[in-house]
Every structure is written in C-alpha cells, then in structure tokens.
Amino acid sequence: MTHYAWTIKARGRQDIKNVTTLAGIYDVLRIIDLPGFAPPEFVTMGAEISDHGHYTYNEGGDDEWSLIWTKVDDAPNKG
C-alpha cells in the first residue's frame, strides 16, 4: 500500500501535515470541506497519481488552498 507525506495549506487555517494512504488524503479533504475540487488526478479513487506534486485551488483568491504530496513508500498490502 502506497503512503504519502502531505501538507494542506489554507488561508486562515493551521497547516495540516500527515503521512497516510491516498484514501487518508481523500478523507481529510472531505472532512475539512474546502471550496472547489481536489486535484484532477485525485478525483477518481484508484487513479494513478505522480510520486510527488503540488496543487493550488484559486491561486491568489480569498479561498486559496494547496496540497503538496510526496510518495514515501510502496509497501506490499498485508492481509
């Protein structure tokens, strides 16, 4: 299972930093209910995403937020 180190930054909020699976990132984005959409490659669960990246929603706007991620491992699924 692939894990990512990631940071969400939003105006007026404390940065959120964590290391989780892609599903964990989805959960946090859903829970904090930021405006707009997640990065295009995050829209479909199971989609291929790059090993690292940066996405900014409404850059320069009052509701700007960003997500930065980096793949940290690709451990086999234990089950």
PDB file of N, CA and C in Angstrom:
ATOM      1  N   MET A   1       0.842  -1.163   0.000  1.00  0.00           N
ATOM      2  CA  MET A   1       0.000   0.000   0.000  1.00  0.00           C
ATOM      3  C   MET A   1       0.896   1.238   0.000  1.00  0.00           C
ATOM      4  N   THR A   2       0.621   2.159  -0.882  1.00  0.00           N
ATOM      5  CA  THR A   2       1.439   3.352  -1.021  1.00  0.00           C
ATOM      6  C   THR A   2       1.054   4.405   0.011  1.00  0.00           C
ATOM      7  N   HIS A   3       2.067   5.008   0.625  1.00  0.00           N
ATOM      8  CA  HIS A   3       1.861   6.086   1.585  1.00  0.00           C
ATOM      9  C   HIS A   3       2.476   7.371   1.050  1.00  0.00           C
ATOM     10  N   TYR A   4       1.854   8.475   1.434  1.00  0.00           N
ATOM     11  CA  TYR A   4       2.302   9.800   1.005  1.00  0.00           C
ATOM     12  C   TYR A   4       2.461  10.706   2.216  1.00  0.00           C
ATOM     13  N   ALA A   5       3.535  11.503   2.207  1.00  0.00           N
ATOM     14  CA  ALA A   5       3.665  12.600   3.160  1.00  0.00           C
ATOM     15  C   ALA A   5       3.017  13.788   2.471  1.00  0.00           C
ATOM     16  N   TRP A   6       2.151  14.482   3.172  1.00  0.00           N
ATOM     17  CA  TRP A   6       1.427  15.564   2.520  1.00  0.00           C
ATOM     18  C   TRP A   6       1.142  16.707   3.483  1.00  0.00           C
ATOM     19  N   THR A   7       0.888  17.881   2.887  1.00  0.00           N
ATOM     20  CA  THR A   7       0.550  19.086   3.640  1.00  0.00           C
ATOM     21  C   THR A   7      -0.570  19.807   2.916  1.00  0.00           C
ATOM     22  N   ILE A   8      -1.590  20.194   3.670  1.00  0.00           N
ATOM     23  CA  ILE A   8      -2.658  21.040   3.145  1.00  0.00           C
ATOM     24  C   ILE A   8      -2.513  22.395   3.813  1.00  0.00           C
ATOM     25  N   LYS A   9      -2.464  23.440   2.990  1.00  0.00           N
ATOM     26  CA  LYS A   9      -2.381  24.812   3.493  1.00  0.00           C
ATOM     27  C   LYS A   9      -3.601  25.564   2.984  1.00  0.00           C
ATOM     28  N   ALA A  10      -4.276  26.265   3.894  1.00  0.00           N
ATOM     29  CA  ALA A  10      -5.443  27.054   3.518  1.00  0.00           C
ATOM     30  C   ALA A  10      -5.413  28.366   4.297  1.00  0.00           C
ATOM     31  N   ARG A  11      -5.816  29.428   3.635  1.00  0.00           N
ATOM     32  CA  ARG A  11      -5.829  30.740   4.299  1.00  0.00           C
ATOM     33  C   ARG A  11      -6.718  30.680   5.543  1.00  0.00           C
ATOM     34  N   GLY A  12      -6.200  31.218   6.643  1.00  0.00           N
ATOM     35  CA  GLY A  12      -6.965  31.286   7.873  1.00  0.00           C
ATOM     36  C   GLY A  12      -7.030  29.983   8.656  1.00  0.00           C
ATOM     37  N   ARG A  13      -6.288  28.968   8.217  1.00  0.00           N
ATOM     38  CA  ARG A  13      -6.285  27.676   8.915  1.00  0.00           C
ATOM     39  C   ARG A  13      -4.846  27.267   9.206  1.00  0.00           C
ATOM     40  N   GLN A  14      -4.681  26.464  10.229  1.00  0.00           N
ATOM     41  CA  GLN A  14      -3.372  25.905  10.527  1.00  0.00           C
ATOM     42  C   GLN A  14      -3.064  24.830   9.488  1.00  0.00           C
ATOM     43  N   ASP A  15      -1.805  24.734   9.067  1.00  0.00           N
ATOM     44  CA  ASP A  15      -1.406  23.698   8.110  1.00  0.00           C
ATOM     45  C   ASP A  15      -1.704  22.321   8.682  1.00  0.00           C
ATOM     46  N   ILE A  16      -2.119  21.419   7.813  1.00  0.00           N
ATOM     47  CA  ILE A  16      -2.356  20.031   8.202  1.00  0.00           C
ATOM     48  C   ILE A  16      -1.275  19.197   7.529  1.00  0.00           C
ATOM     49  N   LYS A  17      -0.494  18.481   8.323  1.00  0.00           N
ATOM     50  CA  LYS A  17       0.579  17.637   7.807  1.00  0.00           C
ATOM     51  C   LYS A  17       0.352  16.218   8.308  1.00  0.00           C
ATOM     52  N   ASN A  18       0.588  15.241   7.409  1.00  0.00           N
ATOM     53  CA  ASN A  18       0.369  13.864   7.809  1.00  0.00           C
ATOM     54  C   ASN A  18       1.063  12.929   6.830  1.00  0.00           C
ATOM     55  N   VAL A  19       1.104  11.657   7.179  1.00  0.00           N
ATOM     56  CA  VAL A  19       1.555  10.596   6.283  1.00  0.00           C
ATOM     57  C   VAL A  19       0.450   9.553   6.305  1.00  0.00           C
ATOM     58  N   THR A  20      -0.183   9.327   5.152  1.00  0.00           N
ATOM     59  CA  THR A  20      -1.283   8.379   5.048  1.00  0.00           C
ATOM     60  C   THR A  20      -1.292   7.782   3.645  1.00  0.00           C
ATOM     61  N   THR A  21      -2.231   6.892   3.451  1.00  0.00           N
ATOM     62  CA  THR A  21      -2.505   6.389   2.105  1.00  0.00           C
ATOM     63  C   THR A  21      -3.294   7.462   1.355  1.00  0.00           C
ATOM     64  N   LEU A  22      -3.521   7.234   0.084  1.00  0.00           N
ATOM     65  CA  LEU A  22      -4.322   8.151  -0.717  1.00  0.00           C
ATOM     66  C   LEU A  22      -5.730   8.285  -0.125  1.00  0.00           C
ATOM     67  N   ALA A  23      -6.267   7.182   0.373  1.00  0.00           N
ATOM     68  CA  ALA A  23      -7.594   7.227   0.996  1.00  0.00           C
ATOM     69  C   ALA A  23      -7.609   8.174   2.194  1.00  0.00           C
ATOM     70  N   GLY A  24      -6.519   8.229   2.934  1.00  0.00           N
ATOM     71  CA  GLY A  24      -6.426   9.144   4.064  1.00  0.00           C
ATOM     72  C   GLY A  24      -6.457  10.597   3.630  1.00  0.00           C
ATOM     73  N   ILE A  25      -5.803  10.886   2.516  1.00  0.00           N
ATOM     74  CA  ILE A  25      -5.846  12.257   1.984  1.00  0.00           C
ATOM     75  C   ILE A  25      -7.281  12.600   1.584  1.00  0.00           C
ATOM     76  N   TYR A  26      -7.963  11.686   0.879  1.00  0.00           N
ATOM     77  CA  TYR A  26      -9.362  11.899   0.499  1.00  0.00           C
ATOM     78  C   TYR A  26     -10.208  12.206   1.720  1.00  0.00           C
ATOM     79  N   ASP A  27     -10.048  11.419   2.770  1.00  0.00           N
ATOM     80  CA  ASP A  27     -10.846  11.602   3.978  1.00  0.00           C
ATOM     81  C   ASP A  27     -10.667  12.997   4.561  1.00  0.00           C
ATOM     82  N   VAL A  28      -9.429  13.448   4.676  1.00  0.00           N
ATOM     83  CA  VAL A  28      -9.170  14.773   5.248  1.00  0.00           C
ATOM     84  C   VAL A  28      -9.753  15.856   4.357  1.00  0.00           C
ATOM     85  N   LEU A  29      -9.565  15.760   3.039  1.00  0.00           N
ATOM     86  CA  LEU A  29     -10.135  16.764   2.135  1.00  0.00           C
ATOM     87  C   LEU A  29     -11.655  16.815   2.270  1.00  0.00           C
ATOM     88  N   ARG A  30     -12.279  15.671   2.424  1.00  0.00           N
ATOM     89  CA  ARG A  30     -13.738  15.617   2.574  1.00  0.00           C
ATOM     90  C   ARG A  30     -14.163  16.230   3.909  1.00  0.00           C
ATOM     91  N   ILE A  31     -13.449  15.895   4.976  1.00  0.00           N
ATOM     92  CA  ILE A  31     -13.813  16.355   6.317  1.00  0.00           C
ATOM     93  C   ILE A  31     -13.661  17.865   6.466  1.00  0.00           C
ATOM     94  N   ILE A  32     -12.563  18.422   5.961  1.00  0.00           N
ATOM     95  CA  ILE A  32     -12.347  19.864   6.159  1.00  0.00           C
ATOM     96  C   ILE A  32     -13.137  20.707   5.161  1.00  0.00           C
ATOM     97  N   ASP A  33     -13.718  20.064   4.139  1.00  0.00           N
ATOM     98  CA  ASP A  33     -14.679  20.699   3.245  1.00  0.00           C
ATOM     99  C   ASP A  33     -14.191  22.030   2.672  1.00  0.00           C
ATOM    100  N   LEU A  34     -13.027  21.993   2.028  1.00  0.00           N
ATOM    101  CA  LEU A  34     -12.505  23.179   1.371  1.00  0.00           C
ATOM    102  C   LEU A  34     -13.290  23.451   0.093  1.00  0.00           C
ATOM    103  N   PRO A  35     -13.309  24.702  -0.371  1.00  0.00           N
ATOM    104  CA  PRO A  35     -14.033  25.009  -1.605  1.00  0.00           C
ATOM    105  C   PRO A  35     -13.363  24.369  -2.811  1.00  0.00           C
ATOM    106  N   GLY A  36     -14.119  24.187  -3.861  1.00  0.00           N
ATOM    107  CA  GLY A  36     -13.553  23.663  -5.103  1.00  0.00           C
ATOM    108  C   GLY A  36     -13.386  22.163  -5.067  1.00  0.00           C
ATOM    109  N   PHE A  37     -12.525  21.705  -5.939  1.00  0.00           N
ATOM    110  CA  PHE A  37     -12.315  20.273  -6.105  1.00  0.00           C
ATOM    111  C   PHE A  37     -10.893  19.901  -5.737  1.00  0.00           C
ATOM    112  N   ALA A  38     -10.699  18.639  -5.465  1.00  0.00           N
ATOM    113  CA  ALA A  38      -9.354  18.111  -5.231  1.00  0.00           C
ATOM    114  C   ALA A  38      -8.599  18.125  -6.553  1.00  0.00           C
ATOM    115  N   PRO A  39      -7.296  17.911  -6.514  1.00  0.00           N
ATOM    116  CA  PRO A  39      -6.530  17.852  -7.763  1.00  0.00           C
ATOM    117  C   PRO A  39      -7.167  16.861  -8.730  1.00  0.00           C
ATOM    118  N   PRO A  40      -7.129  17.155 -10.034  1.00  0.00           N
ATOM    119  CA  PRO A  40      -7.789  16.288 -11.016  1.00  0.00           C
ATOM    120  C   PRO A  40      -7.431  14.812 -10.894  1.00  0.00           C
ATOM    121  N   GLU A  41      -6.169  14.492 -10.620  1.00  0.00           N
ATOM    122  CA  GLU A  41      -5.781  13.082 -10.505  1.00  0.00           C
ATOM    123  C   GLU A  41      -6.305  12.437  -9.231  1.00  0.00           C
ATOM    124  N   PHE A  42      -6.831  13.241  -8.295  1.00  0.00           N
ATOM    125  CA  PHE A  42      -7.391  12.716  -7.060  1.00  0.00           C
ATOM    126  C   PHE A  42      -8.897  12.487  -7.154  1.00  0.00           C
ATOM    127  N   VAL A  43      -9.517  12.945  -8.217  1.00  0.00           N
ATOM    128  CA  VAL A  43     -10.978  12.885  -8.335  1.00  0.00           C
ATOM    129  C   VAL A  43     -11.492  11.454  -8.374  1.00  0.00           C
ATOM    130  N   THR A  44     -10.773  10.553  -9.021  1.00  0.00           N
ATOM    131  CA  THR A  44     -11.200   9.172  -9.132  1.00  0.00           C
ATOM    132  C   THR A  44     -10.330   8.296  -8.250  1.00  0.00           C
ATOM    133  N   MET A  45     -10.958   7.656  -7.261  1.00  0.00           N
ATOM    134  CA  MET A  45     -10.202   6.735  -6.405  1.00  0.00           C
ATOM    135  C   MET A  45      -9.556   5.673  -7.273  1.00  0.00           C
ATOM    136  N   GLY A  46      -8.344   5.345  -6.977  1.00  0.00           N
ATOM    137  CA  GLY A  46      -7.638   4.322  -7.728  1.00  0.00           C
ATOM    138  C   GLY A  46      -6.901   4.862  -8.939  1.00  0.00           C
ATOM    139  N   ALA A  47      -7.031   6.149  -9.201  1.00  0.00           N
ATOM    140  CA  ALA A  47      -6.326   6.735 -10.348  1.00  0.00           C
ATOM    141  C   ALA A  47      -4.829   6.798 -10.045  1.00  0.00           C
ATOM    142  N   GLU A  48      -4.045   6.782 -11.087  1.00  0.00           N
ATOM    143  CA  GLU A  48      -2.593   6.929 -10.933  1.00  0.00           C
ATOM    144  C   GLU A  48      -2.285   8.373 -10.581  1.00  0.00           C
ATOM    145  N   ILE A  49      -1.505   8.579  -9.538  1.00  0.00           N
ATOM    146  CA  ILE A  49      -1.041   9.927  -9.231  1.00  0.00           C
ATOM    147  C   ILE A  49       0.474   9.908  -9.237  1.00  0.00           C
ATOM    148  N   SER A  50       1.054  11.064  -9.472  1.00  0.00           N
ATOM    149  CA  SER A  50       2.507  11.136  -9.546  1.00  0.00           C
ATOM    150  C   SER A  50       3.113  10.934  -8.160  1.00  0.00           C
ATOM    151  N   ASP A  51       4.390  10.605  -8.139  1.00  0.00           N
ATOM    152  CA  ASP A  51       5.093  10.355  -6.881  1.00  0.00           C
ATOM    153  C   ASP A  51       5.151  11.597  -5.994  1.00  0.00           C
ATOM    154  N   HIS A  52       5.097  12.753  -6.609  1.00  0.00           N
ATOM    155  CA  HIS A  52       5.085  13.999  -5.850  1.00  0.00           C
ATOM    156  C   HIS A  52       4.379  15.059  -6.687  1.00  0.00           C
ATOM    157  N   GLY A  53       3.868  16.050  -6.008  1.00  0.00           N
ATOM    158  CA  GLY A  53       3.180  17.096  -6.746  1.00  0.00           C
ATOM    159  C   GLY A  53       2.702  18.213  -5.859  1.00  0.00           C
ATOM    160  N   HIS A  54       2.125  19.211  -6.508  1.00  0.00           N
ATOM    161  CA  HIS A  54       1.597  20.386  -5.831  1.00  0.00           C
ATOM    162  C   HIS A  54       0.350  20.824  -6.580  1.00  0.00           C
ATOM    163  N   TYR A  55      -0.709  21.072  -5.846  1.00  0.00           N
ATOM    164  CA  TYR A  55      -1.958  21.545  -6.427  1.00  0.00           C
ATOM    165  C   TYR A  55      -2.406  22.777  -5.659  1.00  0.00           C
ATOM    166  N   THR A  56      -2.793  23.826  -6.376  1.00  0.00           N
ATOM    167  CA  THR A  56      -3.316  25.027  -5.738  1.00  0.00           C
ATOM    168  C   THR A  56      -4.688  25.331  -6.308  1.00  0.00           C
ATOM    169  N   TYR A  57      -5.651  25.522  -5.430  1.00  0.00           N
ATOM    170  CA  TYR A  57      -7.001  25.914  -5.821  1.00  0.00           C
ATOM    171  C   TYR A  57      -7.119  27.427  -5.715  1.00  0.00           C
ATOM    172  N   ASN A  58      -7.602  28.072  -6.766  1.00  0.00           N
ATOM    173  CA  ASN A  58      -7.892  29.505  -6.801  1.00  0.00           C
ATOM    174  C   ASN A  58      -6.714  30.356  -6.322  1.00  0.00           C
ATOM    175  N   GLU A  59      -5.555  30.141  -6.938  1.00  0.00           N
ATOM    176  CA  GLU A  59      -4.335  30.856  -6.543  1.00  0.00           C
ATOM    177  C   GLU A  59      -4.548  32.362  -6.522  1.00  0.00           C
ATOM    178  N   GLY A  60      -4.205  32.979  -5.407  1.00  0.00           N
ATOM    179  CA  GLY A  60      -4.347  34.420  -5.234  1.00  0.00           C
ATOM    180  C   GLY A  60      -5.724  34.845  -4.742  1.00  0.00           C
ATOM    181  N   GLY A  61      -6.666  33.932  -4.707  1.00  0.00           N
ATOM    182  CA  GLY A  61      -8.027  34.249  -4.257  1.00  0.00           C
ATOM    183  C   GLY A  61      -8.161  34.172  -2.745  1.00  0.00           C
ATOM    184  N   ASP A  62      -9.268  34.683  -2.240  1.00  0.00           N
ATOM    185  CA  ASP A  62      -9.508  34.660  -0.797  1.00  0.00           C
ATOM    186  C   ASP A  62      -9.662  33.245  -0.254  1.00  0.00           C
ATOM    187  N   ASP A  63     -10.094  32.330  -1.110  1.00  0.00           N
ATOM    188  CA  ASP A  63     -10.315  30.955  -0.663  1.00  0.00           C
ATOM    189  C   ASP A  63      -9.232  29.997  -1.178  1.00  0.00           C
ATOM    190  N   GLU A  64      -8.038  30.547  -1.442  1.00  0.00           N
ATOM    191  CA  GLU A  64      -6.920  29.722  -1.930  1.00  0.00           C
ATOM    192  C   GLU A  64      -6.550  28.646  -0.918  1.00  0.00           C
ATOM    193  N   TRP A  65      -6.270  27.459  -1.421  1.00  0.00           N
ATOM    194  CA  TRP A  65      -5.708  26.391  -0.602  1.00  0.00           C
ATOM    195  C   TRP A  65      -4.821  25.540  -1.490  1.00  0.00           C
ATOM    196  N   SER A  66      -3.901  24.790  -0.844  1.00  0.00           N
ATOM    197  CA  SER A  66      -2.987  23.966  -1.629  1.00  0.00           C
ATOM    198  C   SER A  66      -2.724  22.637  -0.945  1.00  0.00           C
ATOM    199  N   LEU A  67      -2.346  21.683  -1.773  1.00  0.00           N
ATOM    200  CA  LEU A  67      -1.976  20.354  -1.311  1.00  0.00           C
ATOM    201  C   LEU A  67      -0.638  20.011  -1.948  1.00  0.00           C
ATOM    202  N   ILE A  68       0.301  19.599  -1.104  1.00  0.00           N
ATOM    203  CA  ILE A  68       1.626  19.155  -1.564  1.00  0.00           C
ATOM    204  C   ILE A  68       1.781  17.725  -1.087  1.00  0.00           C
ATOM    205  N   TRP A  69       2.224  16.820  -1.984  1.00  0.00           N
ATOM    206  CA  TRP A  69       2.385  15.423  -1.578  1.00  0.00           C
ATOM    207  C   TRP A  69       3.662  14.837  -2.149  1.00  0.00           C
ATOM    208  N   THR A  70       4.198  13.837  -1.441  1.00  0.00           N
ATOM    209  CA  THR A  70       5.379  13.089  -1.866  1.00  0.00           C
ATOM    210  C   THR A  70       5.200  11.639  -1.447  1.00  0.00           C
ATOM    211  N   LYS A  71       5.408  10.732  -2.369  1.00  0.00           N
ATOM    212  CA  LYS A  71       5.318   9.309  -2.048  1.00  0.00           C
ATOM    213  C   LYS A  71       6.484   8.937  -1.141  1.00  0.00           C
ATOM    214  N   VAL A  72       6.192   8.217  -0.052  1.00  0.00           N
ATOM    215  CA  VAL A  72       7.255   7.831   0.871  1.00  0.00           C
ATOM    216  C   VAL A  72       7.549   6.341   0.844  1.00  0.00           C
ATOM    217  N   ASP A  73       6.585   5.514   0.424  1.00  0.00           N
ATOM    218  CA  ASP A  73       6.870   4.092   0.273  1.00  0.00           C
ATOM    219  C   ASP A  73       5.788   3.429  -0.562  1.00  0.00           C
ATOM    220  N   ASP A  74       6.053   2.208  -0.918  1.00  0.00           N
ATOM    221  CA  ASP A  74       5.132   1.420  -1.727  1.00  0.00           C
ATOM    222  C   ASP A  74       5.118   0.010  -1.149  1.00  0.00           C
ATOM    223  N   ALA A  75       4.757  -0.076   0.134  1.00  0.00           N
ATOM    224  CA  ALA A  75       4.798  -1.367   0.848  1.00  0.00           C
ATOM    225  C   ALA A  75       3.739  -2.314   0.325  1.00  0.00           C
ATOM    226  N   PRO A  76       4.028  -3.594   0.322  1.00  0.00           N
ATOM    227  CA  PRO A  76       3.026  -4.580  -0.111  1.00  0.00           C
ATOM    228  C   PRO A  76       1.836  -4.588   0.845  1.00  0.00           C
ATOM    229  N   ASN A  77       0.676  -4.827   0.312  1.00  0.00           N
ATOM    230  CA  ASN A  77      -0.546  -4.889   1.105  1.00  0.00           C
ATOM    231  C   ASN A  77      -0.541  -6.167   1.942  1.00  0.00           C
ATOM    232  N   LYS A  78      -0.623  -6.022   3.254  1.00  0.00           N
ATOM    233  CA  LYS A  78      -0.640  -7.171   4.156  1.00  0.00           C
ATOM    234  C   LYS A  78      -2.084  -7.521   4.459  1.00  0.00           C
ATOM    235  N   GLY A  79      -2.453  -8.730   4.305  1.00  0.00           N
ATOM    236  CA  GLY A  79      -3.824  -9.041   4.575  1.00  0.00           C
ATOM    237  C   GLY A  79      -4.095 -10.442   4.552  1.00  0.00           C
TER     238      GLY A  79
END
